[in-house]
Amino acid sequence: MFIAYAVVGILLAAALSASAFFMASRSEAITTNMAKLAVPDSWLPRLASLKAAGALGLLVGLWVPFLGAAAAVGVVLYFVGAVIFHVRAKDYAFAPAAVFIVLAVAALILRIATA
C-alpha cells in the first residue's frame, strides 16, 4: 500500500507543482480561465501557494503520515472549491478539477491505509 501512496502522491504533487507554477507565472490559459470564473486576479498568488503547499505536504507525507493525510484533505477541499466556482459561473468544463479530487481522495485513502 505504501508504494501505491508513493506513486499517487508523487504524481499528484508533480501535477500540483506544475499547476502552481503556471498559475504563479500567470499563464495566459490560466488567467483567461480565472477571468471567465470571476476569480479576482489578486487571488492567483494565494491559490498558487495553496497548490504548492499541497504538493509539498504530499511529498513530506511520505515520511510523516499525518501531514500527507492533511495535505490530501486540503487538496480535496481546494478542488471542491474549484468545482463550485465552475458551477457558479455555469462553466461545466471542470473535468481537470474532478480528476484532481479523485487523485487526492485516492492519496488520502492510501495514506490512511498505510499509517
C-alpha atoms as a PDB file:
ATOM      1  CA  MET A   1       0.000   0.000   0.000  1.00  0.00           C
ATOM      2  CA  PHE A   2       2.821   2.408   0.754  1.00  0.00           C
ATOM      3  CA  ILE A   3       4.192   2.055  -2.772  1.00  0.00           C
ATOM      4  CA  ALA A   4       0.742   2.872  -4.155  1.00  0.00           C
ATOM      5  CA  TYR A   5       0.578   6.001  -1.965  1.00  0.00           C
ATOM      6  CA  ALA A   6       4.086   6.974  -3.024  1.00  0.00           C
ATOM      7  CA  VAL A   7       3.183   6.691  -6.718  1.00  0.00           C
ATOM      8  CA  VAL A   8      -0.139   8.540  -6.400  1.00  0.00           C
ATOM      9  CA  GLY A   9       1.295  11.141  -4.030  1.00  0.00           C
ATOM     10  CA  ILE A  10       4.331  11.878  -6.177  1.00  0.00           C
ATOM     11  CA  LEU A  11       2.280  12.104  -9.387  1.00  0.00           C
ATOM     12  CA  LEU A  12      -0.278  14.354  -7.725  1.00  0.00           C
ATOM     13  CA  ALA A  13       2.477  16.512  -6.227  1.00  0.00           C
ATOM     14  CA  ALA A  14       4.105  16.861  -9.658  1.00  0.00           C
ATOM     15  CA  ALA A  15       0.806  17.894 -11.262  1.00  0.00           C
ATOM     16  CA  LEU A  16       0.082  20.359  -8.453  1.00  0.00           C
ATOM     17  CA  SER A  17       3.582  21.815  -8.740  1.00  0.00           C
ATOM     18  CA  ALA A  18       3.194  22.353 -12.474  1.00  0.00           C
ATOM     19  CA  SER A  19      -0.236  23.894 -11.976  1.00  0.00           C
ATOM     20  CA  ALA A  20       1.083  26.181  -9.224  1.00  0.00           C
ATOM     21  CA  PHE A  21       3.974  27.259 -11.463  1.00  0.00           C
ATOM     22  CA  PHE A  22       1.675  28.144 -14.361  1.00  0.00           C
ATOM     23  CA  MET A  23      -0.680  29.984 -12.035  1.00  0.00           C
ATOM     24  CA  ALA A  24       2.125  31.919 -10.345  1.00  0.00           C
ATOM     25  CA  SER A  25       3.637  32.857 -13.705  1.00  0.00           C
ATOM     26  CA  ARG A  26       0.184  33.994 -14.841  1.00  0.00           C
ATOM     27  CA  SER A  27      -0.043  31.764 -17.869  1.00  0.00           C
ATOM     28  CA  GLU A  28      -2.486  33.124 -20.433  1.00  0.00           C
ATOM     29  CA  ALA A  29      -4.609  29.975 -20.318  1.00  0.00           C
ATOM     30  CA  ILE A  30      -4.884  30.192 -16.530  1.00  0.00           C
ATOM     31  CA  THR A  31      -5.669  33.903 -16.385  1.00  0.00           C
ATOM     32  CA  THR A  32      -8.289  33.562 -19.134  1.00  0.00           C
ATOM     33  CA  ASN A  33      -9.982  30.706 -17.300  1.00  0.00           C
ATOM     34  CA  MET A  34      -9.868  32.527 -13.962  1.00  0.00           C
ATOM     35  CA  ALA A  35     -11.384  35.656 -15.534  1.00  0.00           C
ATOM     36  CA  LYS A  36     -14.171  33.516 -17.004  1.00  0.00           C
ATOM     37  CA  LEU A  37     -14.877  32.184 -13.498  1.00  0.00           C
ATOM     38  CA  ALA A  38     -14.774  35.692 -11.967  1.00  0.00           C
ATOM     39  CA  VAL A  39     -11.809  34.843  -9.763  1.00  0.00           C
ATOM     40  CA  PRO A  40     -10.026  38.096  -8.849  1.00  0.00           C
ATOM     41  CA  ASP A  41      -6.524  38.431 -10.243  1.00  0.00           C
ATOM     42  CA  SER A  42      -5.241  39.198  -6.742  1.00  0.00           C
ATOM     43  CA  TRP A  43      -6.148  35.630  -5.674  1.00  0.00           C
ATOM     44  CA  LEU A  44      -3.729  33.962  -8.095  1.00  0.00           C
ATOM     45  CA  PRO A  45      -0.595  34.130  -5.893  1.00  0.00           C
ATOM     46  CA  ARG A  46      -2.509  32.740  -2.919  1.00  0.00           C
ATOM     47  CA  LEU A  47      -4.099  29.973  -4.946  1.00  0.00           C
ATOM     48  CA  ALA A  48      -0.713  29.054  -6.418  1.00  0.00           C
ATOM     49  CA  SER A  49       0.748  28.971  -2.901  1.00  0.00           C
ATOM     50  CA  LEU A  50      -2.010  26.640  -1.734  1.00  0.00           C
ATOM     51  CA  LYS A  51      -1.292  24.250  -4.607  1.00  0.00           C
ATOM     52  CA  ALA A  52       2.435  24.358  -3.871  1.00  0.00           C
ATOM     53  CA  ALA A  53       1.782  23.726  -0.176  1.00  0.00           C
ATOM     54  CA  GLY A  54      -0.410  20.749  -1.059  1.00  0.00           C
ATOM     55  CA  ALA A  55       2.337  19.338  -3.277  1.00  0.00           C
ATOM     56  CA  LEU A  56       4.949  19.789  -0.568  1.00  0.00           C
ATOM     57  CA  GLY A  57       2.656  18.255   2.049  1.00  0.00           C
ATOM     58  CA  LEU A  58       2.045  15.185  -0.099  1.00  0.00           C
ATOM     59  CA  LEU A  59       5.783  14.691  -0.540  1.00  0.00           C
ATOM     60  CA  VAL A  60       6.577  15.188   3.142  1.00  0.00           C
ATOM     61  CA  GLY A  61       3.692  12.803   3.794  1.00  0.00           C
ATOM     62  CA  LEU A  62       5.905  10.009   2.531  1.00  0.00           C
ATOM     63  CA  TRP A  63       7.707  10.263   5.898  1.00  0.00           C
ATOM     64  CA  VAL A  64       5.071  11.938   8.102  1.00  0.00           C
ATOM     65  CA  PRO A  65       1.739  10.135   7.596  1.00  0.00           C
ATOM     66  CA  PHE A  66      -0.410  12.755   9.324  1.00  0.00           C
ATOM     67  CA  LEU A  67       0.957  15.533   7.151  1.00  0.00           C
ATOM     68  CA  GLY A  68       0.329  13.538   3.974  1.00  0.00           C
ATOM     69  CA  ALA A  69      -3.280  12.922   5.004  1.00  0.00           C
ATOM     70  CA  ALA A  70      -3.776  16.578   5.932  1.00  0.00           C
ATOM     71  CA  ALA A  71      -2.326  17.693   2.597  1.00  0.00           C
ATOM     72  CA  ALA A  72      -4.626  15.322   0.710  1.00  0.00           C
ATOM     73  CA  VAL A  73      -7.647  16.708   2.584  1.00  0.00           C
ATOM     74  CA  GLY A  74      -6.519  20.242   1.748  1.00  0.00           C
ATOM     75  CA  VAL A  75      -6.158  19.380  -1.936  1.00  0.00           C
ATOM     76  CA  VAL A  76      -9.635  17.823  -1.971  1.00  0.00           C
ATOM     77  CA  LEU A  77     -11.125  20.950  -0.389  1.00  0.00           C
ATOM     78  CA  TYR A  78      -9.233  23.225  -2.794  1.00  0.00           C
ATOM     79  CA  PHE A  79     -10.590  21.446  -5.846  1.00  0.00           C
ATOM     80  CA  VAL A  80     -14.106  21.121  -4.429  1.00  0.00           C
ATOM     81  CA  GLY A  81     -13.966  24.912  -4.238  1.00  0.00           C
ATOM     82  CA  ALA A  82     -12.768  24.990  -7.846  1.00  0.00           C
ATOM     83  CA  VAL A  83     -15.726  22.871  -8.951  1.00  0.00           C
ATOM     84  CA  ILE A  84     -18.076  25.166  -7.028  1.00  0.00           C
ATOM     85  CA  PHE A  85     -16.629  28.204  -8.820  1.00  0.00           C
ATOM     86  CA  HIS A  86     -17.072  26.474 -12.180  1.00  0.00           C
ATOM     87  CA  VAL A  87     -20.693  25.555 -11.455  1.00  0.00           C
ATOM     88  CA  ARG A  88     -21.437  29.011 -10.068  1.00  0.00           C
ATOM     89  CA  ALA A  89     -20.152  30.543 -13.331  1.00  0.00           C
ATOM     90  CA  LYS A  90     -22.190  27.999 -15.340  1.00  0.00           C
ATOM     91  CA  ASP A  91     -18.966  26.636 -16.827  1.00  0.00           C
ATOM     92  CA  TYR A  92     -19.251  22.871 -16.773  1.00  0.00           C
ATOM     93  CA  ALA A  93     -15.726  22.175 -18.029  1.00  0.00           C
ATOM     94  CA  PHE A  94     -14.447  21.152 -14.605  1.00  0.00           C
ATOM     95  CA  ALA A  95     -13.112  17.715 -15.529  1.00  0.00           C
ATOM     96  CA  PRO A  96      -9.493  18.603 -14.590  1.00  0.00           C
ATOM     97  CA  ALA A  97     -10.622  19.676 -11.125  1.00  0.00           C
ATOM     98  CA  ALA A  98     -12.629  16.466 -10.760  1.00  0.00           C
ATOM     99  CA  VAL A  99      -9.569  14.410 -11.706  1.00  0.00           C
ATOM    100  CA  PHE A 100      -7.543  16.217  -9.027  1.00  0.00           C
ATOM    101  CA  ILE A 101     -10.288  15.440  -6.486  1.00  0.00           C
ATOM    102  CA  VAL A 102     -10.244  11.734  -7.381  1.00  0.00           C
ATOM    103  CA  LEU A 103      -6.435  11.593  -7.145  1.00  0.00           C
ATOM    104  CA  ALA A 104      -6.403  13.445  -3.830  1.00  0.00           C
ATOM    105  CA  VAL A 105      -9.080  11.138  -2.375  1.00  0.00           C
ATOM    106  CA  ALA A 106      -7.035   8.157  -3.561  1.00  0.00           C
ATOM    107  CA  ALA A 107      -3.926   9.611  -1.918  1.00  0.00           C
ATOM    108  CA  LEU A 108      -5.852  10.193   1.313  1.00  0.00           C
ATOM    109  CA  ILE A 109      -7.250   6.671   1.410  1.00  0.00           C
ATOM    110  CA  LEU A 110      -3.872   5.132   0.629  1.00  0.00           C
ATOM    111  CA  ARG A 111      -2.083   7.301   3.205  1.00  0.00           C
ATOM    112  CA  ILE A 112      -4.587   6.339   5.894  1.00  0.00           C
ATOM    113  CA  ALA A 113      -4.334   2.666   4.926  1.00  0.00           C
ATOM    114  CA  THR A 114      -0.540   2.697   5.309  1.00  0.00           C
ATOM    115  CA  ALA A 115      -0.366   4.642   8.575  1.00  0.00           C
END
